[in-house]
Amino acid sequence: MKLFMFSSRLCFFSLIWSLVISCVFEATVTATTPEIIENAITKASRYLRNHGQQPDGSFSPQSGPAVTALAITALVRTGTSADSPMVVRAVQYLLTFQQADGGIYQRESAVANYETSIAILALHECNTSGHYEEIIKKAKRFLTAIQWDESEGNTYADPEYGGAGYGRHERPDLSNTAFLIDALKGVGASSDDPAIQRALIFVSRSQNLEGAYDILEVAPKNPDGGFYYTPANGGESQAGTTPNGGLRSYGSMTYSGLRSMIYAGVSANDPRVVAAVEWLGRHYTFAENPGMGDAGLFYYFHTAAKALHVLGQDSFIDTDGKAHDWRKDLTGVLLSAQHDNGSWVNNNTRWLEGDANLVTSYALLALSYCQASATE
């Protein structure tokens, strides 16, 4: 009897505690007024200026130019002037990595596609006077030159075809291919640009969707409509494999795949887009990177925000038919995770997310899409 009473009290107090936590969380995620968001952005920008930037203008220079480029893009997209001393110094640092072939990357770099793609987007955000136009054009030509296409002896039948890896001759993957498409589209390439259409072939083969667009043997083993890391070299998913050898889909790659298909002009009623949206509807959350937990969480936030923005819907409807104000949902999560000093950082340090400069840039980029409307 005493055990039953103790158990009942424990259940009662557990219920009360759950309600308290629920109310606190609800209060946190709904406190997303424009003033609160602007305050969060101001704090983050101040953190990057006072604590993140080095005297030479760089952010996390141990990682080469990539974090600096992301920080530039994030700062300018969230309201910092491209003419501000902080941004000007960062751009000057970024341009020290411009190479003779037009790429913007570290010498002997194995991540030239990644670094150049991000640098293009940073320079584009700061190119209000057209000062960086020729630099951007040269960088764009570099990117398309290192894409896996016929010039490298590849054919349509090769799983690598159309993709982009970290650098020249590096195994292509969906993340880098999405960065390539982002860069090309960001500087005005049309959806039918040959490089984007080649990349679409690779993107389609990174989806767990059996059909005319995916000729690889792995697709039927896990036909859930989501996306994985790469179909090259036999295929790989950072989320692991299914018992029958299928490649598990996960959130950040599925949002990357969806965004890439939209940029490539794939219509909303195309089976590939329909399957991707359905997968995301089954896994709608900002509590984790679906399939990966907290690994790459802020990369996921940025990728999801950009994809949902280009999808062009203010509400996202999950598979239960519930409509979600995704901007409010994501903003609430981001604001609740911001540190008092204005930064963000992931406790899971995989993929460099222990670097506050990188993660704060991801968070600001996500907020920039949360602030925009579907019509912008």
Protein backbone atom coordinates (compact mmCIF):
# COMPACT_ATOMS: atom_id res chain seq x y z
CA MET A 1 0.00 0.00 0.00
CA LYS A 2 2.84 2.40 0.94
CA LEU A 3 4.62 1.51 -2.30
CA PHE A 4 1.44 2.27 -4.26
CA MET A 5 1.02 5.63 -2.49
CA PHE A 6 4.67 6.53 -3.12
CA SER A 7 4.35 5.51 -6.75
CA SER A 8 1.17 7.57 -7.13
CA ARG A 9 2.82 10.63 -5.59
CA LEU A 10 5.84 10.14 -7.83
CA CYS A 11 3.60 9.97 -10.89
CA PHE A 12 1.72 13.06 -9.72
CA PHE A 13 4.91 15.09 -9.17
CA SER A 14 6.32 13.81 -12.48
CA LEU A 15 3.18 15.01 -14.23
CA ILE A 16 3.40 18.43 -12.56
CA TRP A 17 7.09 18.72 -13.44
CA SER A 18 6.36 17.76 -17.07
CA LEU A 19 3.68 20.45 -17.23
CA VAL A 20 6.07 23.03 -15.79
CA ILE A 21 8.78 22.13 -18.30
CA SER A 22 6.23 22.17 -21.10
CA CYS A 23 5.02 25.62 -20.09
CA VAL A 24 8.57 26.97 -19.83
CA PHE A 25 9.45 25.56 -23.24
CA GLU A 26 6.25 26.88 -24.77
CA ALA A 27 6.94 30.32 -23.32
CA THR A 28 10.45 30.18 -24.77
CA VAL A 29 9.53 29.13 -28.28
CA THR A 30 6.65 31.60 -28.60
CA ALA A 31 8.71 34.62 -27.50
CA THR A 32 9.73 35.46 -31.05
CA THR A 33 8.72 39.06 -31.55
CA PRO A 34 10.69 41.11 -34.11
CA GLU A 35 12.28 43.07 -31.25
CA ILE A 36 13.47 39.92 -29.51
CA ILE A 37 14.87 38.51 -32.76
CA GLU A 38 16.70 41.76 -33.55
CA ASN A 39 18.16 41.78 -30.05
CA ALA A 40 19.44 38.24 -30.54
CA ILE A 41 21.00 39.20 -33.88
CA THR A 42 22.63 42.27 -32.34
CA LYS A 43 24.12 40.18 -29.53
CA ALA A 44 25.42 37.60 -31.99
CA SER A 45 26.94 40.24 -34.27
CA ARG A 46 28.61 41.87 -31.27
CA TYR A 47 30.02 38.49 -30.22
CA LEU A 48 31.51 37.90 -33.67
CA ARG A 49 32.99 41.42 -33.75
CA ASN A 50 34.41 41.46 -30.22
CA HIS A 51 35.32 37.81 -29.66
CA GLY A 52 35.28 35.98 -32.97
CA GLN A 53 37.23 38.18 -35.38
CA GLN A 54 41.02 38.15 -35.40
CA PRO A 55 43.19 41.24 -36.05
CA ASP A 56 43.71 40.12 -39.67
CA GLY A 57 39.95 40.11 -40.25
CA SER A 58 39.51 36.34 -40.15
CA PHE A 59 37.16 34.14 -38.18
CA SER A 60 38.59 30.78 -37.06
CA PRO A 61 41.56 30.97 -39.49
CA GLN A 62 42.65 27.46 -38.49
CA SER A 63 39.79 26.32 -40.73
CA GLY A 64 40.98 28.34 -43.73
CA PRO A 65 38.62 30.86 -45.36
CA ALA A 66 35.37 28.90 -44.92
CA VAL A 67 34.24 30.16 -41.51
CA THR A 68 35.17 33.72 -42.46
CA ALA A 69 33.03 33.45 -45.61
CA LEU A 70 30.10 32.05 -43.64
CA ALA A 71 30.42 34.82 -41.05
CA ILE A 72 30.45 37.51 -43.75
CA THR A 73 27.32 36.10 -45.36
CA ALA A 74 25.54 35.72 -42.03
CA LEU A 75 26.40 39.21 -40.82
CA VAL A 76 25.37 41.00 -44.02
CA ARG A 77 22.18 38.96 -44.42
CA THR A 78 21.12 39.91 -40.89
CA GLY A 79 21.70 43.63 -41.24
CA THR A 80 25.39 44.42 -40.78
CA SER A 81 26.49 46.81 -43.51
CA ALA A 82 28.85 45.43 -46.15
CA ASP A 83 30.79 48.67 -45.66
CA SER A 84 31.29 48.16 -41.93
CA PRO A 85 34.93 47.83 -40.83
CA MET A 86 34.31 44.31 -39.55
CA VAL A 87 32.98 43.06 -42.90
CA VAL A 88 35.52 44.97 -44.99
CA ARG A 89 38.40 43.45 -43.03
CA ALA A 90 36.88 39.99 -43.32
CA VAL A 91 36.48 40.33 -47.10
CA GLN A 92 40.07 41.53 -47.43
CA TYR A 93 41.20 38.41 -45.57
CA LEU A 94 38.97 36.20 -47.73
CA LEU A 95 40.47 37.60 -50.93
CA THR A 96 43.97 36.57 -49.86
CA PHE A 97 42.88 33.04 -50.77
CA GLN A 98 42.07 33.86 -54.39
CA GLN A 99 44.09 31.54 -56.64
CA ALA A 100 45.28 31.91 -60.24
CA ASP A 101 42.65 29.42 -61.42
CA GLY A 102 39.88 31.63 -60.05
CA GLY A 103 39.09 29.52 -57.02
CA ILE A 104 39.10 30.95 -53.50
CA TYR A 105 40.69 28.34 -51.30
CA GLN A 106 43.78 27.35 -49.35
CA ARG A 107 46.77 26.29 -51.43
CA GLU A 108 47.02 22.50 -51.69
CA SER A 109 43.48 22.45 -50.34
CA ALA A 110 41.37 19.30 -50.48
CA VAL A 111 38.23 21.39 -49.93
CA ALA A 112 38.45 23.85 -52.81
CA ASN A 113 34.84 23.39 -53.99
CA TYR A 114 33.48 23.89 -50.48
CA GLU A 115 35.59 26.97 -49.76
CA THR A 116 35.03 28.59 -53.15
CA SER A 117 31.26 28.00 -53.08
CA ILE A 118 30.91 29.68 -49.70
CA ALA A 119 33.27 32.50 -50.70
CA ILE A 120 31.15 33.23 -53.79
CA LEU A 121 28.05 33.66 -51.65
CA ALA A 122 29.93 35.94 -49.23
CA LEU A 123 31.26 38.15 -52.02
CA HIS A 124 27.83 38.24 -53.65
CA GLU A 125 26.28 39.60 -50.44
CA CYS A 126 28.90 42.38 -50.43
CA ASN A 127 28.81 43.12 -54.16
CA THR A 128 26.40 46.04 -54.05
CA SER A 129 28.72 48.23 -56.14
CA GLY A 130 29.76 45.45 -58.52
CA HIS A 131 33.32 45.63 -57.25
CA TYR A 132 33.65 41.85 -56.94
CA GLU A 133 31.92 40.92 -60.19
CA GLU A 134 35.00 39.66 -62.04
CA ILE A 135 36.26 37.76 -59.02
CA ILE A 136 32.88 36.03 -58.70
CA LYS A 137 32.82 35.14 -62.41
CA LYS A 138 36.29 33.57 -62.22
CA ALA A 139 35.32 31.64 -59.09
CA LYS A 140 32.15 30.41 -60.79
CA ARG A 141 34.16 29.14 -63.77
CA PHE A 142 36.49 27.34 -61.37
CA LEU A 143 33.58 25.55 -59.71
CA THR A 144 32.10 24.27 -62.94
CA ALA A 145 35.56 23.19 -64.14
CA ILE A 146 36.02 20.81 -61.19
CA GLN A 147 32.51 19.33 -61.34
CA TRP A 148 32.42 15.61 -62.15
CA ASP A 149 31.43 15.63 -65.82
CA GLU A 150 32.61 14.41 -69.22
CA SER A 151 35.78 16.49 -69.03
CA GLU A 152 37.01 14.15 -66.30
CA GLY A 153 36.19 11.06 -68.34
CA ASN A 154 32.91 10.42 -66.54
CA THR A 155 29.71 9.33 -68.20
CA TYR A 156 26.06 9.55 -67.25
CA ALA A 157 26.21 5.95 -66.06
CA ASP A 158 28.80 6.78 -63.37
CA PRO A 159 27.30 7.44 -59.92
CA GLU A 160 29.73 10.37 -59.50
CA TYR A 161 28.42 12.14 -62.60
CA GLY A 162 27.29 15.73 -61.98
CA GLY A 163 28.42 15.80 -58.39
CA ALA A 164 30.91 17.96 -56.52
CA GLY A 165 33.29 16.85 -53.79
CA TYR A 166 35.30 18.92 -51.36
CA GLY A 167 37.82 19.62 -54.11
CA ARG A 168 39.14 18.54 -57.51
CA HIS A 169 38.99 14.76 -57.94
CA GLU A 170 37.54 14.39 -54.42
CA ARG A 171 34.64 11.94 -54.15
CA PRO A 172 31.40 13.88 -54.73
CA ASP A 173 28.72 14.12 -52.06
CA LEU A 174 25.33 15.77 -51.69
CA SER A 175 26.48 18.42 -49.23
CA ASN A 176 29.16 19.78 -51.55
CA THR A 177 26.93 19.43 -54.59
CA ALA A 178 24.27 21.49 -52.80
CA PHE A 179 26.91 24.14 -52.00
CA LEU A 180 27.82 24.20 -55.71
CA ILE A 181 24.17 24.69 -56.73
CA ASP A 182 23.69 27.34 -54.02
CA ALA A 183 26.68 29.30 -55.29
CA LEU A 184 25.67 29.13 -58.95
CA LYS A 185 22.05 29.98 -58.24
CA GLY A 186 23.03 32.67 -55.76
CA VAL A 187 24.96 34.62 -58.40
CA GLY A 188 22.21 34.46 -60.99
CA ALA A 189 22.52 31.15 -62.84
CA SER A 190 19.21 29.93 -64.25
CA SER A 191 17.66 26.62 -63.29
CA ASP A 192 18.53 25.20 -66.71
CA ASP A 193 22.21 26.12 -66.40
CA PRO A 194 24.15 23.04 -67.67
CA ALA A 195 26.17 22.72 -64.47
CA ILE A 196 23.02 22.82 -62.32
CA GLN A 197 21.28 20.27 -64.53
CA ARG A 198 24.31 17.95 -64.31
CA ALA A 199 24.28 18.40 -60.54
CA LEU A 200 20.57 17.49 -60.49
CA ILE A 201 21.46 14.04 -61.85
CA PHE A 202 23.75 13.47 -58.87
CA VAL A 203 21.20 14.93 -56.43
CA SER A 204 18.47 12.62 -57.73
CA ARG A 205 20.74 9.62 -57.25
CA SER A 206 21.27 10.63 -53.63
CA GLN A 207 17.59 10.07 -52.89
CA ASN A 208 16.08 6.86 -51.57
CA LEU A 209 13.55 6.74 -54.36
CA GLU A 210 13.46 3.93 -56.88
CA GLY A 211 12.56 5.07 -60.38
CA ALA A 212 13.75 6.53 -63.64
CA TYR A 213 16.00 9.10 -61.99
CA ASP A 214 17.96 6.63 -59.88
CA ILE A 215 19.63 3.73 -61.67
CA LEU A 216 21.64 2.57 -58.66
CA GLU A 217 21.04 -0.74 -56.90
CA VAL A 218 20.85 0.73 -53.39
CA ALA A 219 17.64 2.76 -53.88
CA PRO A 220 15.13 -0.14 -53.54
CA LYS A 221 16.67 -1.19 -50.21
CA ASN A 222 15.28 1.83 -48.33
CA PRO A 223 12.72 3.58 -50.58
CA ASP A 224 11.54 6.15 -48.02
CA GLY A 225 12.02 9.25 -50.19
CA GLY A 226 14.68 10.88 -48.03
CA PHE A 227 18.27 11.70 -48.97
CA TYR A 228 21.65 10.38 -47.86
CA TYR A 229 25.25 11.58 -48.18
CA THR A 230 26.52 10.13 -51.44
CA PRO A 231 25.80 7.45 -54.03
CA ALA A 232 29.48 7.39 -55.06
CA ASN A 233 31.89 4.57 -54.20
CA GLY A 234 29.05 2.18 -53.46
CA GLY A 235 27.10 4.77 -51.45
CA GLU A 236 27.42 6.17 -47.94
CA SER A 237 25.10 7.64 -45.35
CA GLN A 238 26.31 9.44 -42.23
CA ALA A 239 23.21 7.96 -40.56
CA GLY A 240 24.34 4.39 -41.27
CA THR A 241 22.65 1.51 -43.04
CA THR A 242 19.44 -0.47 -42.73
CA PRO A 243 19.62 -4.20 -41.88
CA ASN A 244 19.33 -5.07 -45.57
CA GLY A 245 22.12 -2.72 -46.60
CA GLY A 246 20.05 0.32 -47.51
CA LEU A 247 21.36 3.82 -46.83
CA ARG A 248 19.47 5.64 -44.09
CA SER A 249 18.00 9.04 -44.93
CA TYR A 250 18.55 11.97 -42.59
CA GLY A 251 17.30 15.49 -42.11
CA SER A 252 20.10 17.79 -43.22
CA MET A 253 20.68 15.89 -46.46
CA THR A 254 16.95 15.67 -47.23
CA TYR A 255 16.55 19.43 -46.87
CA SER A 256 19.70 19.87 -49.00
CA GLY A 257 18.28 17.59 -51.66
CA LEU A 258 14.91 19.33 -51.65
CA ARG A 259 16.45 22.79 -51.96
CA SER A 260 18.76 21.65 -54.76
CA MET A 261 15.86 20.19 -56.75
CA ILE A 262 13.85 23.40 -56.39
CA TYR A 263 16.83 25.45 -57.56
CA ALA A 264 17.17 23.08 -60.53
CA GLY A 265 13.59 23.80 -61.55
CA VAL A 266 12.00 20.53 -60.46
CA SER A 267 8.26 21.12 -60.01
CA ALA A 268 6.31 20.69 -56.78
CA ASN A 269 4.35 17.72 -58.19
CA ASP A 270 7.45 15.87 -59.41
CA PRO A 271 7.72 12.48 -57.64
CA ARG A 272 11.13 13.42 -56.27
CA VAL A 273 9.89 16.58 -54.59
CA VAL A 274 6.70 14.90 -53.38
CA ALA A 275 8.69 12.06 -51.79
CA ALA A 276 11.16 14.45 -50.14
CA VAL A 277 8.39 16.63 -48.68
CA GLU A 278 6.59 13.53 -47.40
CA TRP A 279 9.76 12.30 -45.69
CA LEU A 280 10.25 15.68 -44.06
CA GLY A 281 6.59 15.69 -43.04
CA ARG A 282 7.11 12.41 -41.22
CA HIS A 283 10.19 13.79 -39.47
CA TYR A 284 9.28 17.44 -38.89
CA THR A 285 11.24 18.67 -35.88
CA PHE A 286 13.82 21.17 -34.74
CA ALA A 287 14.64 19.21 -31.59
CA GLU A 288 17.25 17.25 -33.53
CA ASN A 289 18.73 16.59 -36.95
CA PRO A 290 16.44 13.63 -37.83
CA GLY A 291 18.48 10.48 -38.16
CA MET A 292 21.57 12.14 -36.67
CA GLY A 293 20.46 13.40 -33.26
CA ASP A 294 22.47 16.48 -32.27
CA ALA A 295 25.27 15.82 -34.79
CA GLY A 296 25.43 18.65 -37.31
CA LEU A 297 22.44 20.27 -35.62
CA PHE A 298 23.15 23.89 -36.56
CA TYR A 299 24.10 22.95 -40.11
CA TYR A 300 20.67 21.29 -40.14
CA PHE A 301 18.98 24.45 -38.84
CA HIS A 302 20.57 26.55 -41.59
CA THR A 303 19.85 23.98 -44.30
CA ALA A 304 16.25 23.48 -43.19
CA ALA A 305 15.55 27.22 -43.01
CA LYS A 306 16.91 27.88 -46.49
CA ALA A 307 15.08 24.90 -48.00
CA LEU A 308 11.74 25.77 -46.41
CA HIS A 309 12.16 29.37 -47.52
CA VAL A 310 12.75 28.44 -51.17
CA LEU A 311 9.88 25.95 -50.95
CA GLY A 312 7.79 29.09 -50.66
CA GLN A 313 5.38 28.15 -47.90
CA ASP A 314 4.88 29.99 -44.62
CA SER A 315 3.36 26.83 -43.11
CA PHE A 316 4.70 23.32 -43.40
CA ILE A 317 2.12 20.54 -43.12
CA ASP A 318 3.30 17.29 -41.56
CA THR A 319 1.97 13.83 -42.39
CA ASP A 320 -0.68 14.11 -39.67
CA GLY A 321 -2.10 17.16 -41.42
CA LYS A 322 -0.88 19.60 -38.79
CA ALA A 323 0.30 22.97 -40.10
CA HIS A 324 3.49 24.32 -38.57
CA ASP A 325 4.69 27.91 -38.59
CA TRP A 326 8.22 26.70 -39.24
CA ARG A 327 9.77 30.16 -38.93
CA LYS A 328 8.30 30.61 -35.46
CA ASP A 329 9.22 27.06 -34.44
CA LEU A 330 12.83 27.35 -35.55
CA THR A 331 13.30 30.87 -34.25
CA GLY A 332 12.06 29.79 -30.83
CA VAL A 333 14.55 26.93 -30.70
CA LEU A 334 17.41 29.18 -31.79
CA LEU A 335 16.62 31.93 -29.30
CA SER A 336 16.37 29.46 -26.45
CA ALA A 337 19.81 28.03 -27.33
CA GLN A 338 21.68 31.34 -27.58
CA HIS A 339 24.32 31.88 -24.91
CA ASP A 340 24.40 35.02 -22.77
CA ASN A 341 27.44 36.31 -24.67
CA GLY A 342 25.45 36.17 -27.93
CA SER A 343 27.03 33.06 -29.39
CA TRP A 344 25.74 29.62 -30.22
CA VAL A 345 27.71 26.39 -29.95
CA ASN A 346 26.83 22.71 -30.23
CA ASN A 347 27.80 20.40 -27.37
CA ASN A 348 28.30 17.75 -30.04
CA THR A 349 31.52 18.90 -31.67
CA ARG A 350 31.25 16.69 -34.78
CA TRP A 351 31.80 18.59 -38.06
CA LEU A 352 33.46 21.48 -36.18
CA GLU A 353 30.26 22.49 -34.38
CA GLY A 354 32.25 23.11 -31.22
CA ASP A 355 33.48 26.28 -32.99
CA ALA A 356 31.32 29.16 -31.79
CA ASN A 357 32.18 31.29 -34.84
CA LEU A 358 30.94 28.61 -37.23
CA VAL A 359 27.84 27.76 -35.24
CA THR A 360 26.91 31.39 -34.59
CA SER A 361 27.16 31.99 -38.34
CA TYR A 362 24.89 29.00 -39.03
CA ALA A 363 22.37 30.34 -36.50
CA LEU A 364 22.38 33.84 -37.99
CA LEU A 365 21.92 32.43 -41.49
CA ALA A 366 18.95 30.40 -40.27
CA LEU A 367 17.45 33.49 -38.63
CA SER A 368 17.87 35.44 -41.87
CA TYR A 369 15.48 33.02 -43.59
CA CYS A 370 13.15 32.99 -40.59
CA GLN A 371 12.83 36.76 -40.89
CA ALA A 372 11.99 36.63 -44.60
CA SER A 373 8.53 35.86 -45.95
CA ALA A 374 7.71 33.21 -48.54
CA THR A 375 7.23 35.89 -51.20
CA GLU A 376 10.75 37.33 -50.87
